[in-house]
N, C-alpha and C. Protein backbone atom coordinates (compact mmCIF):
# COMPACT_ATOMS: atom_id res chain seq x y z
N UNK A 1 90.43 19.92 94.28
CA UNK A 1 90.05 21.61 94.10
C UNK A 1 91.60 22.55 94.85
N UNK A 2 91.51 23.59 93.48
CA UNK A 2 91.90 25.13 93.60
C UNK A 2 91.72 25.43 94.24
N UNK A 3 91.75 26.65 95.05
CA UNK A 3 91.85 27.54 95.42
C UNK A 3 91.72 28.63 94.25
N UNK A 4 90.27 29.41 95.15
CA UNK A 4 91.00 30.55 93.68
C UNK A 4 90.27 32.02 94.41
N UNK A 5 90.03 32.73 93.41
CA UNK A 5 90.00 34.72 94.10
C UNK A 5 88.51 34.50 94.53
N UNK A 6 87.48 34.05 94.03
CA UNK A 6 87.18 33.90 94.52
C UNK A 6 86.28 33.60 95.45
N UNK A 7 87.23 32.96 96.08
CA UNK A 7 86.66 32.29 97.39
C UNK A 7 87.53 32.75 98.01
N UNK A 8 88.72 33.35 98.48
CA UNK A 8 89.24 34.86 99.66
C UNK A 8 88.22 35.52 99.22
N UNK A 9 88.15 36.49 98.26
CA UNK A 9 87.25 37.35 98.09
C UNK A 9 85.22 37.17 99.02
N UNK A 10 84.89 36.07 98.22
CA UNK A 10 84.08 35.59 99.91
C UNK A 10 84.45 36.14 101.31
N UNK A 11 84.67 34.73 101.28
CA UNK A 11 85.88 35.58 102.50
C UNK A 11 86.48 36.54 103.36
N UNK A 12 86.36 37.74 102.75
CA UNK A 12 86.78 38.99 103.35
C UNK A 12 85.12 39.36 102.93
N UNK A 13 84.43 38.90 102.59
CA UNK A 13 83.62 38.91 102.62
C UNK A 13 83.21 41.03 101.42
N UNK A 14 84.14 40.21 100.21
CA UNK A 14 84.22 41.21 99.12
C UNK A 14 84.70 42.58 98.96
N UNK A 15 86.05 42.87 99.51
CA UNK A 15 86.16 44.39 99.84
C UNK A 15 86.77 44.79 98.59
N UNK A 16 86.17 47.03 98.70
CA UNK A 16 86.89 47.25 97.48
C UNK A 16 88.31 47.30 97.58
N UNK A 17 88.72 47.31 96.62
CA UNK A 17 90.60 47.99 96.47
C UNK A 17 91.05 46.74 96.92
N UNK A 18 90.59 45.31 96.06
CA UNK A 18 92.14 44.31 96.67
C UNK A 18 91.93 43.46 94.97
N UNK A 19 92.97 43.77 94.36
CA UNK A 19 93.77 42.84 93.05
C UNK A 19 93.23 41.91 93.00
N UNK A 20 93.08 41.13 91.98
CA UNK A 20 93.13 39.18 91.42
C UNK A 20 94.92 39.38 91.52
N UNK A 21 95.03 39.38 90.65
CA UNK A 21 96.59 39.09 91.00
C UNK A 21 97.52 39.52 92.37
N UNK A 22 97.06 40.57 92.96
CA UNK A 22 97.32 39.97 95.02
C UNK A 22 97.62 38.21 95.70
N UNK A 23 96.20 38.88 95.56
CA UNK A 23 95.13 37.65 95.68
C UNK A 23 96.36 36.12 94.97
N UNK A 24 96.10 36.46 94.10
CA UNK A 24 96.76 34.76 93.53
C UNK A 24 98.11 34.61 93.06
N UNK A 25 99.01 35.55 93.62
CA UNK A 25 100.39 36.11 93.96
C UNK A 25 100.43 35.63 95.16
N UNK A 26 99.18 35.81 96.27
CA UNK A 26 99.60 34.98 97.86
C UNK A 26 99.41 34.05 98.27
N UNK A 27 98.50 32.90 97.23
CA UNK A 27 98.17 31.85 97.22
C UNK A 27 99.40 31.39 96.49
N UNK A 28 99.41 31.01 95.49
CA UNK A 28 101.11 30.76 95.42
C UNK A 28 102.44 30.36 96.22
N UNK A 29 102.45 31.71 96.81
CA UNK A 29 103.35 32.43 97.69
C UNK A 29 103.35 31.13 98.67
N UNK A 30 101.77 30.88 99.91
CA UNK A 30 101.15 30.75 100.98
C UNK A 30 101.38 28.93 100.64
N UNK A 31 100.42 27.86 99.53
CA UNK A 31 101.04 26.96 98.84
C UNK A 31 102.00 26.58 98.84
N UNK A 32 103.33 27.40 99.18
CA UNK A 32 104.66 26.93 99.11
C UNK A 32 104.73 26.70 100.15
N UNK A 33 104.79 27.34 101.44
CA UNK A 33 104.44 27.87 102.64
C UNK A 33 104.05 26.25 102.81
N UNK A 34 102.78 26.55 103.04
CA UNK A 34 102.03 24.94 104.10
C UNK A 34 102.92 24.22 103.37
N UNK A 35 102.79 23.45 101.75
CA UNK A 35 103.12 22.39 101.61
C UNK A 35 104.62 21.89 102.06
N UNK A 36 105.39 22.71 102.74
CA UNK A 36 106.73 22.67 103.76
C UNK A 36 106.69 22.15 104.83
N UNK A 37 106.09 22.17 105.71
CA UNK A 37 105.37 22.20 106.45
C UNK A 37 104.39 21.28 107.14
N UNK A 38 103.64 20.83 106.13
CA UNK A 38 102.79 20.16 106.53
C UNK A 38 103.50 17.82 106.16
N UNK A 39 102.91 17.61 107.47
CA UNK A 39 103.41 15.91 108.31
C UNK A 39 103.04 15.42 106.58
N UNK A 40 104.24 15.01 106.13
CA UNK A 40 103.76 13.66 104.71
C UNK A 40 104.24 12.86 105.38
N UNK A 41 104.26 11.50 103.84
CA UNK A 41 104.82 9.97 104.21
C UNK A 41 106.00 9.61 105.03
N UNK A 42 106.94 11.08 104.54
CA UNK A 42 108.24 10.78 105.20
C UNK A 42 108.57 10.13 106.88
N UNK A 43 107.50 10.00 107.57
CA UNK A 43 107.77 9.88 108.48
C UNK A 43 106.56 8.80 108.89
N UNK A 44 106.22 8.23 107.91
CA UNK A 44 105.27 6.82 107.14
C UNK A 44 103.55 6.30 108.79
N UNK A 45 103.29 8.43 108.38
CA UNK A 45 101.93 8.47 109.25
C UNK A 45 100.86 7.62 108.63
N UNK A 46 100.50 6.81 109.68
CA UNK A 46 98.98 5.99 109.63
C UNK A 46 97.98 6.72 108.50
N UNK A 47 96.96 6.77 107.71
CA UNK A 47 96.60 7.15 106.79
C UNK A 47 94.88 7.88 107.51
N UNK A 48 95.16 7.11 108.71
CA UNK A 48 93.87 8.21 110.00
C UNK A 48 94.30 9.08 109.59
N UNK A 49 95.70 9.18 109.56
CA UNK A 49 96.53 10.72 110.57
C UNK A 49 96.70 10.95 110.58
N UNK A 50 97.17 10.74 108.85
CA UNK A 50 97.76 12.45 107.88
C UNK A 50 96.97 13.25 107.05
N UNK A 51 97.67 13.60 107.01
CA UNK A 51 96.66 15.12 106.06
C UNK A 51 96.45 15.40 104.47
N UNK A 52 95.60 16.03 104.83
CA UNK A 52 94.35 15.35 104.40
C UNK A 52 94.57 17.36 103.67
N UNK A 53 94.07 17.10 102.05
CA UNK A 53 94.48 18.47 101.11
C UNK A 53 93.09 19.39 101.40
N UNK A 54 91.72 19.17 101.89
CA UNK A 54 91.13 20.08 102.42
C UNK A 54 91.73 20.29 103.39
N UNK A 55 92.31 19.75 104.99
CA UNK A 55 92.63 20.88 106.04
C UNK A 55 94.34 21.63 105.85
N UNK A 56 95.21 21.42 104.41
CA UNK A 56 95.65 22.20 104.15
C UNK A 56 95.63 23.62 103.05
N UNK A 57 94.33 23.20 102.32
CA UNK A 57 93.71 24.03 101.73
C UNK A 57 93.35 25.41 102.79
N UNK A 58 92.07 25.25 103.62
CA UNK A 58 91.87 25.67 105.05
C UNK A 58 93.05 26.39 105.92
N UNK A 59 94.53 25.80 105.81
CA UNK A 59 95.40 26.35 105.96
C UNK A 59 95.72 27.88 105.20
N UNK A 60 96.06 27.16 103.55
CA UNK A 60 96.44 28.63 102.85
C UNK A 60 95.83 29.27 102.83
N UNK A 61 93.75 29.49 102.76
CA UNK A 61 92.91 30.48 102.98
C UNK A 61 93.13 31.37 104.34
N UNK A 62 93.26 30.90 104.87
CA UNK A 62 93.93 31.52 106.44
C UNK A 62 94.34 31.91 106.14
N UNK A 63 95.77 31.90 105.42
CA UNK A 63 97.43 32.57 105.36
C UNK A 63 96.57 33.29 104.17
N UNK A 64 95.89 33.39 103.96
CA UNK A 64 95.80 34.13 102.34
C UNK A 64 95.31 35.30 101.92
N UNK A 65 93.92 34.75 103.64
CA UNK A 65 93.02 36.41 104.17
C UNK A 65 94.00 37.26 104.46
N UNK A 66 94.70 37.02 106.11
CA UNK A 66 95.49 37.07 106.42
C UNK A 66 96.59 38.48 106.16
N UNK A 67 97.28 37.75 105.20
CA UNK A 67 97.70 38.15 103.34
C UNK A 67 97.17 39.89 103.23
N UNK A 68 96.39 39.56 102.17
CA UNK A 68 95.14 40.67 101.66
C UNK A 68 94.70 41.50 102.56
N UNK A 69 94.59 40.54 104.10
CA UNK A 69 94.02 42.30 104.76
C UNK A 69 94.83 43.15 105.38
N UNK A 70 96.39 42.43 105.29
CA UNK A 70 97.47 43.33 105.28
C UNK A 70 97.51 44.65 104.24
N UNK A 71 97.16 43.99 103.57
CA UNK A 71 97.70 44.71 101.79
C UNK A 71 96.40 45.84 102.25
N UNK A 72 94.69 45.70 101.98
CA UNK A 72 93.69 46.95 102.42
C UNK A 72 94.34 47.21 103.58
N UNK A 73 94.67 46.96 104.89
CA UNK A 73 94.95 48.02 105.88
C UNK A 73 95.59 49.36 105.43
N UNK A 74 97.25 48.66 104.48
CA UNK A 74 98.31 49.59 104.05
C UNK A 74 97.42 49.69 102.68
N UNK A 75 96.80 49.50 102.26
CA UNK A 75 96.43 50.95 100.52
C UNK A 75 95.00 51.29 101.01
N UNK A 76 94.39 51.74 102.29
CA UNK A 76 93.00 51.55 102.64
C UNK A 76 93.03 53.05 101.96
N UNK A 77 93.98 54.02 103.06
CA UNK A 77 92.65 55.15 102.18
C UNK A 77 93.13 56.10 100.90
N UNK A 78 93.90 55.27 99.87
CA UNK A 78 93.90 54.69 98.15
C UNK A 78 92.34 54.72 97.82
N UNK A 79 91.53 54.02 98.18
CA UNK A 79 90.00 52.95 98.23
C UNK A 79 89.31 53.56 98.37
N UNK A 80 88.99 54.57 99.32
CA UNK A 80 88.55 55.21 100.03
C UNK A 80 88.17 56.74 100.04
N UNK A 81 86.77 57.55 99.30
CA UNK A 81 86.65 58.56 98.87
C UNK A 81 86.74 59.71 100.81
N UNK A 82 86.03 59.39 101.06
CA UNK A 82 85.76 59.15 102.83
C UNK A 82 86.38 58.43 103.36
N UNK A 83 86.68 60.23 104.50
CA UNK A 83 87.36 59.45 105.80
C UNK A 83 86.74 58.31 106.53
N UNK A 84 85.20 59.06 106.57
CA UNK A 84 84.30 57.71 107.73
C UNK A 84 84.53 57.06 107.01
N UNK A 85 83.52 56.86 106.18
CA UNK A 85 84.10 55.25 105.21
C UNK A 85 86.04 54.70 105.43
N UNK A 86 86.19 55.06 105.85
CA UNK A 86 87.97 54.44 105.57
C UNK A 86 87.77 54.10 107.36
N UNK A 87 87.78 55.41 108.36
CA UNK A 87 87.26 54.63 109.58
C UNK A 87 86.62 53.46 109.88
N UNK A 88 86.00 53.13 109.39
CA UNK A 88 84.81 52.09 109.81
C UNK A 88 85.88 50.92 108.60
N UNK A 89 85.84 50.57 107.99
CA UNK A 89 86.61 49.95 107.25
C UNK A 89 87.45 49.18 107.46
N UNK A 90 88.65 50.11 108.15
CA UNK A 90 89.94 49.85 109.29
C UNK A 90 89.59 49.57 109.92
N UNK A 91 88.05 49.45 110.98
CA UNK A 91 87.75 49.06 111.75
C UNK A 91 88.12 47.24 112.47
N UNK A 92 86.67 47.33 110.98
CA UNK A 92 86.10 45.78 110.47
C UNK A 92 87.67 44.40 109.98
N UNK A 93 88.43 46.33 108.77
CA UNK A 93 89.54 45.04 108.33
C UNK A 93 90.65 44.42 109.86
N UNK A 94 90.84 45.44 110.78
CA UNK A 94 91.42 45.26 112.43
C UNK A 94 91.46 44.45 113.11
N UNK A 95 90.16 43.61 113.36
CA UNK A 95 88.84 42.87 113.80
C UNK A 95 89.36 41.54 113.22
N UNK A 96 88.67 41.53 111.79
CA UNK A 96 89.10 40.12 110.57
C UNK A 96 89.89 39.84 110.63
N UNK A 97 91.66 40.95 111.04
CA UNK A 97 92.62 39.90 110.77
C UNK A 97 93.16 39.27 112.51
N UNK A 98 92.22 40.27 113.33
CA UNK A 98 92.17 39.05 114.08
C UNK A 98 92.12 37.17 114.45
N UNK A 99 91.39 37.57 113.82
CA UNK A 99 90.30 36.49 113.47
C UNK A 99 91.74 35.72 113.21
N UNK A 100 91.33 35.92 111.70
CA UNK A 100 92.03 35.07 110.49
C UNK A 100 93.57 34.70 111.47
N UNK A 101 94.65 35.50 111.73
CA UNK A 101 95.58 34.93 112.19
C UNK A 101 94.79 33.98 113.62
N UNK A 102 94.22 33.83 114.02
CA UNK A 102 94.59 33.14 115.23
C UNK A 102 94.47 32.10 113.95
N UNK A 103 92.97 31.61 113.88
CA UNK A 103 92.43 30.39 112.64
C UNK A 103 93.21 29.78 111.55
N UNK A 104 94.20 30.84 111.16
CA UNK A 104 95.69 30.60 110.19
C UNK A 104 96.88 29.82 111.02
N UNK A 105 96.72 30.50 112.67
CA UNK A 105 97.81 30.05 113.23
C UNK A 105 97.68 28.03 114.10
N UNK A 106 95.96 28.13 113.94
CA UNK A 106 95.35 27.19 114.83
C UNK A 106 95.82 25.85 113.30
N UNK A 107 95.65 26.11 112.43
CA UNK A 107 95.40 25.61 110.38
C UNK A 107 96.80 25.40 110.86
N UNK A 108 97.86 26.00 110.24
CA UNK A 108 99.47 25.94 110.50
C UNK A 108 99.90 24.76 111.51
N UNK A 109 98.87 24.88 113.00
CA UNK A 109 99.89 23.64 113.73
C UNK A 109 98.77 22.18 113.19
N UNK A 110 97.59 22.46 113.08
CA UNK A 110 96.83 21.12 112.82
C UNK A 110 97.92 20.10 111.54
N UNK A 111 98.21 21.17 110.50
CA UNK A 111 99.33 20.12 109.66
C UNK A 111 100.20 20.11 110.23
N UNK A 112 101.13 20.78 111.36
CA UNK A 112 102.49 20.63 110.74
C UNK A 112 103.04 20.03 112.13
N UNK A 113 104.00 19.72 112.95
CA UNK A 113 103.71 18.21 114.20
C UNK A 113 103.69 18.58 115.44
N UNK A 114 103.39 19.84 115.37
CA UNK A 114 103.02 20.76 116.42
C UNK A 114 101.49 20.53 117.54
N UNK A 115 100.73 20.22 116.54
CA UNK A 115 99.36 20.01 117.39
C UNK A 115 99.51 18.87 116.49
N UNK A 116 99.73 18.43 115.78
CA UNK A 116 99.61 17.09 114.89
C UNK A 116 99.67 15.66 115.94
N UNK A 117 98.39 14.73 115.17
CA UNK A 117 98.29 13.54 115.99
C UNK A 117 98.75 12.25 114.79
N UNK A 118 99.96 12.24 114.56
CA UNK A 118 101.12 11.68 113.54
C UNK A 118 101.35 10.18 114.01
N UNK A 119 100.76 10.03 115.10
CA UNK A 119 101.28 8.88 115.83
C UNK A 119 99.78 8.40 116.83
N UNK A 120 99.78 6.78 117.14
CA UNK A 120 98.63 6.22 117.69
C UNK A 120 99.54 6.17 118.60
N UNK A 121 98.69 6.62 120.23
CA UNK A 121 99.90 5.43 121.06
C UNK A 121 98.79 4.86 122.05
N UNK A 122 98.94 3.28 122.46
CA UNK A 122 98.41 3.23 123.23
C UNK A 122 98.72 3.08 124.90
N UNK A 123 98.33 2.55 125.34
CA UNK A 123 99.08 2.18 127.05
C UNK A 123 99.33 1.43 126.53
N UNK A 124 100.20 1.35 127.37
CA UNK A 124 100.92 -0.49 128.44
C UNK A 124 101.27 -0.85 129.49
N UNK A 125 100.75 -2.19 129.38
CA UNK A 125 100.95 -3.01 130.97
C UNK A 125 102.47 -3.13 131.89
N UNK A 126 103.43 -2.23 131.12
CA UNK A 126 104.60 -2.93 130.99
C UNK A 126 105.40 -2.05 132.66
N UNK A 127 104.17 -1.70 132.61
CA UNK A 127 104.96 -0.48 133.69
C UNK A 127 104.69 -0.40 135.20
N UNK A 128 105.71 -0.69 135.96
CA UNK A 128 105.28 -1.18 137.15
C UNK A 128 105.35 -0.17 137.98
N UNK A 129 104.14 0.05 139.07
CA UNK A 129 103.86 0.35 139.85
C UNK A 129 104.51 1.21 141.24
N UNK A 130 104.49 2.22 141.38
CA UNK A 130 105.00 2.06 142.98
C UNK A 130 104.77 0.85 144.06
N UNK A 131 105.27 0.91 145.05
CA UNK A 131 104.69 -0.25 146.40
C UNK A 131 104.32 0.89 147.35
């Protein structure tokens, strides 16, 4: 399943002033980034612990949402006519960006080696206990 601009718009609550070309460009950039950091068969990862395409897509979506929110915050005054509307959306976008940043960091840690579960480790009975 490919990530679409509509999925990103839905995650962000369909904000005003966000262009489809901007979303598409961020999707392509973040897809390359996620594919570089994801664990692969290079390390002979067991299929039970391998990264799924759904986990990669989730990481890409969160990262693209953060990028789009940064764009919205930077271009916010031009999207609204009233200053009150701009202040309301600015607070909302600031809160959203914090949440999406945390989710993006967790998703990247999951697909990379940091928080990955690439190897199954069993206990051993060869340890010598202190006497």
